[in-house]
Amino acid sequence: MEILNTNQIIENLLYLPIDLPNPPTHELEIFKDISVEKFYRDNFRTCWQVPLYTDHEEKGVYKWSPLGNKAPELKAWIEEHILPMSGGTRMTFICTLPGDKNAPHIDCSLEKFETIQHKFRFVMEGNVDDLVFLGKNDARVRPTNLNNCFMMAGNWPHEMENTHSGKKFTLAIGAPWEPDSTDLNYSKLISRSYDKFKDYYISKENMELVDNWREMFEDYNATPHENIKAYWNSNKVKDI
């Protein structure tokens, strides 16, 4: 078996469970009782988002939103396990209705495509293996349905169809946080996670991109800050 160094693991990572305790999930009941029409509609990914920690007031200044404040135990978990690594960054629940599909997409801009674009995910409710990484010649790679936090390559084409009987909620933490091998704490996390979960690690080293990957980037008509600020200023959130 080839012995990989941490830099190789990071550079080739498509999916890896990470060695962190799982966040509490019981507060999810609060969000399950809210109509998805109250959430932020992500037309690009064809899902709903529950903005938890965003720069909804001042650009680049991240804080808990009124929705994030509804889950104090989840907040405490994030403040202990994520924020020391990530600093201020966008955090959300991705919410997908039963039978709905998140359109094939890439979770970064074309300008960032050649960089490390690892994204944190934890499926609060639903199936991990509904996530599919897309490759050339109709290659489809799914992670194991493991109840664990994981990192994934946001710059690889992927989609998801919710086969769960209820809404799927995924805790998602991404940009502007861009962890890579220059971050010593992140490298240590990936190293110990690989030691523990190497049997579940998926590498993109031998995968080829789908032919239409250039069509999978979001066309930003407004900045994420402008979009989320508009959401919090809309009538749909006045009773949240």
C-alpha atoms as a PDB file:
ATOM      1  CA  MET A   1       0.000   0.000   0.000  1.00  0.00           C
ATOM      2  CA  GLU A   2       1.294   3.433  -0.938  1.00  0.00           C
ATOM      3  CA  ILE A   3       2.145   5.613   2.043  1.00  0.00           C
ATOM      4  CA  LEU A   4       0.782   9.113   1.524  1.00  0.00           C
ATOM      5  CA  ASN A   5       2.091  12.238   3.165  1.00  0.00           C
ATOM      6  CA  THR A   6      -0.293  14.840   4.508  1.00  0.00           C
ATOM      7  CA  ASN A   7       0.238  17.193   1.566  1.00  0.00           C
ATOM      8  CA  GLN A   8      -0.770  14.445  -0.862  1.00  0.00           C
ATOM      9  CA  ILE A   9      -3.820  13.575   1.210  1.00  0.00           C
ATOM     10  CA  ILE A  10      -4.927  17.214   1.205  1.00  0.00           C
ATOM     11  CA  GLU A  11      -4.225  17.827  -2.483  1.00  0.00           C
ATOM     12  CA  ASN A  12      -6.031  14.683  -3.665  1.00  0.00           C
ATOM     13  CA  LEU A  13      -8.869  14.728  -1.143  1.00  0.00           C
ATOM     14  CA  LEU A  14     -12.318  14.215  -2.576  1.00  0.00           C
ATOM     15  CA  TYR A  15     -13.876  13.001   0.679  1.00  0.00           C
ATOM     16  CA  LEU A  16     -12.555  12.217   4.145  1.00  0.00           C
ATOM     17  CA  PRO A  17     -14.345  11.787   7.485  1.00  0.00           C
ATOM     18  CA  ILE A  18     -12.641  13.958  10.064  1.00  0.00           C
ATOM     19  CA  ASP A  19     -11.711  13.232  13.641  1.00  0.00           C
ATOM     20  CA  LEU A  20     -14.070  15.628  15.407  1.00  0.00           C
ATOM     21  CA  PRO A  21     -17.004  14.822  17.688  1.00  0.00           C
ATOM     22  CA  ASN A  22     -20.345  15.064  15.936  1.00  0.00           C
ATOM     23  CA  PRO A  23     -22.352  18.223  16.598  1.00  0.00           C
ATOM     24  CA  PRO A  24     -25.592  17.992  18.590  1.00  0.00           C
ATOM     25  CA  THR A  25     -28.613  17.334  16.396  1.00  0.00           C
ATOM     26  CA  HIS A  26     -31.640  17.618  18.688  1.00  0.00           C
ATOM     27  CA  GLU A  27     -32.046  21.361  18.033  1.00  0.00           C
ATOM     28  CA  LEU A  28     -32.754  20.517  14.401  1.00  0.00           C
ATOM     29  CA  GLU A  29     -36.407  20.045  15.419  1.00  0.00           C
ATOM     30  CA  ILE A  30     -36.645  23.847  15.649  1.00  0.00           C
ATOM     31  CA  PHE A  31     -35.757  24.224  11.976  1.00  0.00           C
ATOM     32  CA  LYS A  32     -37.818  21.274  10.791  1.00  0.00           C
ATOM     33  CA  ASP A  33     -40.892  23.082  12.113  1.00  0.00           C
ATOM     34  CA  ILE A  34     -40.172  26.198  10.005  1.00  0.00           C
ATOM     35  CA  SER A  35     -41.528  26.250   6.463  1.00  0.00           C
ATOM     36  CA  VAL A  36     -38.728  26.108   3.897  1.00  0.00           C
ATOM     37  CA  GLU A  37     -40.333  29.143   2.271  1.00  0.00           C
ATOM     38  CA  LYS A  38     -38.880  31.132   5.173  1.00  0.00           C
ATOM     39  CA  PHE A  39     -35.355  30.049   4.306  1.00  0.00           C
ATOM     40  CA  TYR A  40     -32.970  31.439   1.697  1.00  0.00           C
ATOM     41  CA  ARG A  41     -33.619  29.944  -1.730  1.00  0.00           C
ATOM     42  CA  ASP A  42     -30.442  28.827  -3.493  1.00  0.00           C
ATOM     43  CA  ASN A  43     -31.542  28.642  -7.115  1.00  0.00           C
ATOM     44  CA  PHE A  44     -28.098  27.655  -8.341  1.00  0.00           C
ATOM     45  CA  ARG A  45     -27.852  24.526  -6.168  1.00  0.00           C
ATOM     46  CA  THR A  46     -31.653  24.029  -6.217  1.00  0.00           C
ATOM     47  CA  CYS A  47     -32.011  23.807  -2.448  1.00  0.00           C
ATOM     48  CA  TRP A  48     -32.872  25.950   0.550  1.00  0.00           C
ATOM     49  CA  GLN A  49     -30.322  27.372   2.961  1.00  0.00           C
ATOM     50  CA  VAL A  50     -30.683  28.205   6.641  1.00  0.00           C
ATOM     51  CA  PRO A  51     -28.096  30.976   7.169  1.00  0.00           C
ATOM     52  CA  LEU A  52     -26.619  30.441  10.633  1.00  0.00           C
ATOM     53  CA  TYR A  53     -23.420  32.508  10.699  1.00  0.00           C
ATOM     54  CA  THR A  54     -23.022  35.151   8.000  1.00  0.00           C
ATOM     55  CA  ASP A  55     -21.934  38.679   7.167  1.00  0.00           C
ATOM     56  CA  HIS A  56     -25.557  39.780   6.794  1.00  0.00           C
ATOM     57  CA  GLU A  57     -24.988  43.241   8.277  1.00  0.00           C
ATOM     58  CA  GLU A  58     -21.464  44.357   7.382  1.00  0.00           C
ATOM     59  CA  LYS A  59     -19.445  42.778   4.586  1.00  0.00           C
ATOM     60  CA  GLY A  60     -16.717  40.543   5.967  1.00  0.00           C
ATOM     61  CA  VAL A  61     -17.972  40.768   9.557  1.00  0.00           C
ATOM     62  CA  TYR A  62     -19.455  37.385  10.440  1.00  0.00           C
ATOM     63  CA  LYS A  63     -21.890  36.885  13.300  1.00  0.00           C
ATOM     64  CA  TRP A  64     -24.686  34.606  14.396  1.00  0.00           C
ATOM     65  CA  SER A  65     -27.960  35.244  12.625  1.00  0.00           C
ATOM     66  CA  PRO A  66     -31.416  35.143  14.282  1.00  0.00           C
ATOM     67  CA  LEU A  67     -31.679  31.576  12.926  1.00  0.00           C
ATOM     68  CA  GLY A  68     -28.275  30.590  14.279  1.00  0.00           C
ATOM     69  CA  ASN A  69     -29.225  31.953  17.687  1.00  0.00           C
ATOM     70  CA  LYS A  70     -32.086  29.464  17.853  1.00  0.00           C
ATOM     71  CA  ALA A  71     -29.580  26.625  18.408  1.00  0.00           C
ATOM     72  CA  PRO A  72     -27.352  27.533  21.395  1.00  0.00           C
ATOM     73  CA  GLU A  73     -25.864  24.047  21.798  1.00  0.00           C
ATOM     74  CA  LEU A  74     -24.913  23.862  18.123  1.00  0.00           C
ATOM     75  CA  LYS A  75     -23.455  27.370  18.434  1.00  0.00           C
ATOM     76  CA  ALA A  76     -21.343  26.237  21.391  1.00  0.00           C
ATOM     77  CA  TRP A  77     -20.104  23.202  19.417  1.00  0.00           C
ATOM     78  CA  ILE A  78     -19.131  25.359  16.427  1.00  0.00           C
ATOM     79  CA  GLU A  79     -17.412  27.908  18.662  1.00  0.00           C
ATOM     80  CA  GLU A  80     -15.376  25.122  20.285  1.00  0.00           C
ATOM     81  CA  HIS A  81     -14.513  22.933  17.301  1.00  0.00           C
ATOM     82  CA  ILE A  82     -14.804  25.009  14.111  1.00  0.00           C
ATOM     83  CA  LEU A  83     -14.294  28.738  14.679  1.00  0.00           C
ATOM     84  CA  PRO A  84     -10.747  28.345  16.107  1.00  0.00           C
ATOM     85  CA  MET A  85      -9.802  26.818  12.715  1.00  0.00           C
ATOM     86  CA  SER A  86     -12.031  28.738  10.334  1.00  0.00           C
ATOM     87  CA  GLY A  87     -12.369  32.214  11.782  1.00  0.00           C
ATOM     88  CA  GLY A  88     -15.272  34.238  10.429  1.00  0.00           C
ATOM     89  CA  THR A  89     -16.844  32.376   7.521  1.00  0.00           C
ATOM     90  CA  ARG A  90     -20.228  31.385   6.123  1.00  0.00           C
ATOM     91  CA  MET A  91     -22.089  28.599   7.925  1.00  0.00           C
ATOM     92  CA  THR A  92     -25.478  27.276   6.909  1.00  0.00           C
ATOM     93  CA  PHE A  93     -27.797  24.300   6.837  1.00  0.00           C
ATOM     94  CA  ILE A  94     -28.390  23.041   3.313  1.00  0.00           C
ATOM     95  CA  CYS A  95     -32.022  21.915   3.288  1.00  0.00           C
ATOM     96  CA  THR A  96     -33.344  19.654   0.531  1.00  0.00           C
ATOM     97  CA  LEU A  97     -36.905  18.349   0.360  1.00  0.00           C
ATOM     98  CA  PRO A  98     -37.597  14.601  -0.029  1.00  0.00           C
ATOM     99  CA  GLY A  99     -37.055  13.515  -3.622  1.00  0.00           C
ATOM    100  CA  ASP A 100     -35.505  16.835  -4.625  1.00  0.00           C
ATOM    101  CA  LYS A 101     -32.121  17.044  -6.272  1.00  0.00           C
ATOM    102  CA  ASN A 102     -29.267  19.498  -5.810  1.00  0.00           C
ATOM    103  CA  ALA A 103     -28.186  20.362  -9.336  1.00  0.00           C
ATOM    104  CA  PRO A 104     -24.675  19.367 -10.479  1.00  0.00           C
ATOM    105  CA  HIS A 105     -22.366  22.177  -9.406  1.00  0.00           C
ATOM    106  CA  ILE A 106     -18.923  23.275  -8.229  1.00  0.00           C
ATOM    107  CA  ASP A 107     -18.638  25.086  -4.898  1.00  0.00           C
ATOM    108  CA  CYS A 108     -16.114  27.744  -5.834  1.00  0.00           C
ATOM    109  CA  SER A 109     -15.473  30.320  -8.513  1.00  0.00           C
ATOM    110  CA  LEU A 110     -13.599  29.559 -11.723  1.00  0.00           C
ATOM    111  CA  GLU A 111     -10.757  31.759 -10.420  1.00  0.00           C
ATOM    112  CA  LYS A 112     -10.411  29.512  -7.339  1.00  0.00           C
ATOM    113  CA  PHE A 113     -10.791  26.227  -9.208  1.00  0.00           C
ATOM    114  CA  GLU A 114      -7.090  25.303  -9.178  1.00  0.00           C
ATOM    115  CA  THR A 115      -6.740  25.932  -5.426  1.00  0.00           C
ATOM    116  CA  ILE A 116      -7.568  23.697  -2.455  1.00  0.00           C
ATOM    117  CA  GLN A 117     -11.299  24.131  -1.846  1.00  0.00           C
ATOM    118  CA  HIS A 118     -12.114  21.849   1.063  1.00  0.00           C
ATOM    119  CA  LYS A 119     -15.592  22.245   2.552  1.00  0.00           C
ATOM    120  CA  PHE A 120     -16.824  20.980   5.927  1.00  0.00           C
ATOM    121  CA  ARG A 121     -20.054  18.976   5.981  1.00  0.00           C
ATOM    122  CA  PHE A 122     -22.101  17.076   8.544  1.00  0.00           C
ATOM    123  CA  VAL A 123     -25.409  15.488   7.605  1.00  0.00           C
ATOM    124  CA  MET A 124     -27.676  16.405  10.509  1.00  0.00           C
ATOM    125  CA  GLU A 125     -30.506  14.329   9.050  1.00  0.00           C
ATOM    126  CA  GLY A 126     -30.537  12.315   5.834  1.00  0.00           C
ATOM    127  CA  ASN A 127     -28.167  10.040   3.942  1.00  0.00           C
ATOM    128  CA  VAL A 128     -24.481  10.820   3.436  1.00  0.00           C
ATOM    129  CA  ASP A 129     -24.317   8.525   0.409  1.00  0.00           C
ATOM    130  CA  ASP A 130     -26.878  10.591  -1.495  1.00  0.00           C
ATOM    131  CA  LEU A 131     -23.891  12.803  -2.331  1.00  0.00           C
ATOM    132  CA  VAL A 132     -22.372  11.906  -5.715  1.00  0.00           C
ATOM    133  CA  PHE A 133     -19.062  13.075  -7.185  1.00  0.00           C
ATOM    134  CA  LEU A 134     -19.224  13.211 -10.970  1.00  0.00           C
ATOM    135  CA  GLY A 135     -16.484  12.074 -13.318  1.00  0.00           C
ATOM    136  CA  LYS A 136     -15.814  11.543 -16.998  1.00  0.00           C
ATOM    137  CA  ASN A 137     -17.676   8.770 -18.857  1.00  0.00           C
ATOM    138  CA  ASP A 138     -20.567   8.867 -16.374  1.00  0.00           C
ATOM    139  CA  ALA A 139     -18.357   7.929 -13.426  1.00  0.00           C
ATOM    140  CA  ARG A 140     -20.284   8.383 -10.163  1.00  0.00           C
ATOM    141  CA  VAL A 141     -18.532   8.073  -6.805  1.00  0.00           C
ATOM    142  CA  ARG A 142     -20.417   8.011  -3.515  1.00  0.00           C
ATOM    143  CA  PRO A 143     -19.021   8.201   0.017  1.00  0.00           C
ATOM    144  CA  THR A 144     -19.931   5.546   2.580  1.00  0.00           C
ATOM    145  CA  ASN A 145     -23.051   6.307   4.611  1.00  0.00           C
ATOM    146  CA  LEU A 146     -21.033   7.082   7.742  1.00  0.00           C
ATOM    147  CA  ASN A 147     -22.463   9.242  10.540  1.00  0.00           C
ATOM    148  CA  ASN A 148     -19.460  11.524  10.877  1.00  0.00           C
ATOM    149  CA  CYS A 149     -18.240  15.012  10.049  1.00  0.00           C
ATOM    150  CA  PHE A 150     -16.309  15.122   6.786  1.00  0.00           C
ATOM    151  CA  MET A 151     -14.352  17.331   4.447  1.00  0.00           C
ATOM    152  CA  MET A 152     -15.031  17.271   0.716  1.00  0.00           C
ATOM    153  CA  ALA A 153     -13.544  18.887  -2.365  1.00  0.00           C
ATOM    154  CA  GLY A 154     -15.883  21.724  -3.229  1.00  0.00           C
ATOM    155  CA  ASN A 155     -14.042  22.264  -6.505  1.00  0.00           C
ATOM    156  CA  TRP A 156     -15.050  18.867  -7.865  1.00  0.00           C
ATOM    157  CA  PRO A 157     -18.404  18.516  -9.688  1.00  0.00           C
ATOM    158  CA  HIS A 158     -21.028  16.948  -7.450  1.00  0.00           C
ATOM    159  CA  GLU A 159     -24.768  16.569  -7.017  1.00  0.00           C
ATOM    160  CA  MET A 160     -27.190  15.133  -4.480  1.00  0.00           C
ATOM    161  CA  GLU A 161     -30.653  13.582  -4.628  1.00  0.00           C
ATOM    162  CA  ASN A 162     -32.432  13.303  -1.289  1.00  0.00           C
ATOM    163  CA  THR A 163     -33.679   9.719  -0.886  1.00  0.00           C
ATOM    164  CA  HIS A 164     -34.474  10.291   2.801  1.00  0.00           C
ATOM    165  CA  SER A 165     -38.159  10.266   3.762  1.00  0.00           C
ATOM    166  CA  GLY A 166     -37.943  13.770   5.216  1.00  0.00           C
ATOM    167  CA  LYS A 167     -36.051  16.985   4.632  1.00  0.00           C
ATOM    168  CA  LYS A 168     -32.305  16.548   4.469  1.00  0.00           C
ATOM    169  CA  PHE A 169     -30.315  18.999   6.585  1.00  0.00           C
ATOM    170  CA  THR A 170     -26.563  19.304   6.121  1.00  0.00           C
ATOM    171  CA  LEU A 171     -24.377  21.595   8.198  1.00  0.00           C
ATOM    172  CA  ALA A 172     -22.123  23.294   5.646  1.00  0.00           C
ATOM    173  CA  ILE A 173     -19.113  25.482   6.373  1.00  0.00           C
ATOM    174  CA  GLY A 174     -17.207  27.007   3.489  1.00  0.00           C
ATOM    175  CA  ALA A 175     -15.876  30.236   2.031  1.00  0.00           C
ATOM    176  CA  PRO A 176     -14.135  32.457   2.762  1.00  0.00           C
ATOM    177  CA  TRP A 177     -12.420  29.786   4.905  1.00  0.00           C
ATOM    178  CA  GLU A 178      -9.916  27.985   2.652  1.00  0.00           C
ATOM    179  CA  PRO A 179      -7.969  25.440   4.720  1.00  0.00           C
ATOM    180  CA  ASP A 180      -4.890  23.935   3.096  1.00  0.00           C
ATOM    181  CA  SER A 181      -1.521  22.367   3.895  1.00  0.00           C
ATOM    182  CA  THR A 182      -0.019  25.700   4.974  1.00  0.00           C
ATOM    183  CA  ASP A 183      -2.351  25.664   7.986  1.00  0.00           C
ATOM    184  CA  LEU A 184      -0.509  23.544  10.563  1.00  0.00           C
ATOM    185  CA  ASN A 185      -3.606  22.859  12.688  1.00  0.00           C
ATOM    186  CA  TYR A 186      -5.603  21.795   9.640  1.00  0.00           C
ATOM    187  CA  SER A 187      -2.769  19.567   8.449  1.00  0.00           C
ATOM    188  CA  LYS A 188      -2.692  17.881  11.863  1.00  0.00           C
ATOM    189  CA  LEU A 189      -6.460  17.367  11.735  1.00  0.00           C
ATOM    190  CA  ILE A 190      -6.265  15.788   8.281  1.00  0.00           C
ATOM    191  CA  SER A 191      -3.304  13.608   9.281  1.00  0.00           C
ATOM    192  CA  ARG A 192      -5.006  12.113  12.326  1.00  0.00           C
ATOM    193  CA  SER A 193      -8.309  11.837  10.448  1.00  0.00           C
ATOM    194  CA  TYR A 194      -6.634   9.884   7.660  1.00  0.00           C
ATOM    195  CA  ASP A 195      -4.988   7.586  10.211  1.00  0.00           C
ATOM    196  CA  LYS A 196      -8.408   6.879  11.700  1.00  0.00           C
ATOM    197  CA  PHE A 197     -10.577   6.854   8.566  1.00  0.00           C
ATOM    198  CA  LYS A 198      -8.215   5.885   5.716  1.00  0.00           C
ATOM    199  CA  ASP A 199     -10.584   3.096   4.653  1.00  0.00           C
ATOM    200  CA  TYR A 200     -13.210   5.731   3.817  1.00  0.00           C
ATOM    201  CA  TYR A 201     -10.897   8.225   2.126  1.00  0.00           C
ATOM    202  CA  ILE A 202     -11.725   8.976  -1.505  1.00  0.00           C
ATOM    203  CA  SER A 203      -8.993  10.407  -3.716  1.00  0.00           C
ATOM    204  CA  LYS A 204      -9.549  12.328  -6.922  1.00  0.00           C
ATOM    205  CA  GLU A 205      -6.060  11.443  -8.182  1.00  0.00           C
ATOM    206  CA  ASN A 206      -7.288   8.935 -10.779  1.00  0.00           C
ATOM    207  CA  MET A 207     -10.548  10.670 -11.622  1.00  0.00           C
ATOM    208  CA  GLU A 208     -11.152  12.805 -14.703  1.00  0.00           C
ATOM    209  CA  LEU A 209     -13.470  15.787 -14.823  1.00  0.00           C
ATOM    210  CA  VAL A 210     -16.790  15.610 -16.638  1.00  0.00           C
ATOM    211  CA  ASP A 211     -16.705  17.268 -20.046  1.00  0.00           C
ATOM    212  CA  ASN A 212     -19.110  20.063 -19.048  1.00  0.00           C
ATOM    213  CA  TRP A 213     -17.418  21.057 -15.784  1.00  0.00           C
ATOM    214  CA  ARG A 214     -16.995  24.653 -16.957  1.00  0.00           C
ATOM    215  CA  GLU A 215     -20.798  24.995 -16.916  1.00  0.00           C
ATOM    216  CA  MET A 216     -21.047  24.172 -13.197  1.00  0.00           C
ATOM    217  CA  PHE A 217     -19.865  27.455 -11.685  1.00  0.00           C
ATOM    218  CA  GLU A 218     -22.288  29.897 -10.121  1.00  0.00           C
ATOM    219  CA  ASP A 219     -22.811  33.117 -12.051  1.00  0.00           C
ATOM    220  CA  TYR A 220     -22.764  35.725  -9.287  1.00  0.00           C
ATOM    221  CA  ASN A 221     -25.147  38.575 -10.124  1.00  0.00           C
ATOM    222  CA  ALA A 222     -24.477  39.884  -6.621  1.00  0.00           C
ATOM    223  CA  THR A 223     -21.941  39.078  -3.911  1.00  0.00           C
ATOM    224  CA  PRO A 224     -22.841  36.513  -1.221  1.00  0.00           C
ATOM    225  CA  HIS A 225     -22.941  39.410   1.251  1.00  0.00           C
ATOM    226  CA  GLU A 226     -25.427  41.337  -0.889  1.00  0.00           C
ATOM    227  CA  ASN A 227     -27.620  38.270  -1.356  1.00  0.00           C
ATOM    228  CA  ILE A 228     -27.750  37.377   2.315  1.00  0.00           C
ATOM    229  CA  LYS A 229     -28.311  41.001   3.351  1.00  0.00           C
ATOM    230  CA  ALA A 230     -31.265  41.175   0.955  1.00  0.00           C
ATOM    231  CA  TYR A 231     -32.658  37.957   2.448  1.00  0.00           C
ATOM    232  CA  TRP A 232     -32.558  39.337   6.003  1.00  0.00           C
ATOM    233  CA  ASN A 233     -34.202  42.570   4.825  1.00  0.00           C
ATOM    234  CA  SER A 234     -37.064  40.691   3.139  1.00  0.00           C
ATOM    235  CA  ASN A 235     -40.567  40.207   4.453  1.00  0.00           C
ATOM    236  CA  LYS A 236     -40.178  36.416   4.611  1.00  0.00           C
ATOM    237  CA  VAL A 237     -38.014  36.667   7.754  1.00  0.00           C
ATOM    238  CA  LYS A 238     -39.958  39.297   9.676  1.00  0.00           C
ATOM    239  CA  ASP A 239     -41.420  36.736  12.123  1.00  0.00           C
ATOM    240  CA  ILE A 240     -38.209  34.692  12.580  1.00  0.00           C
END
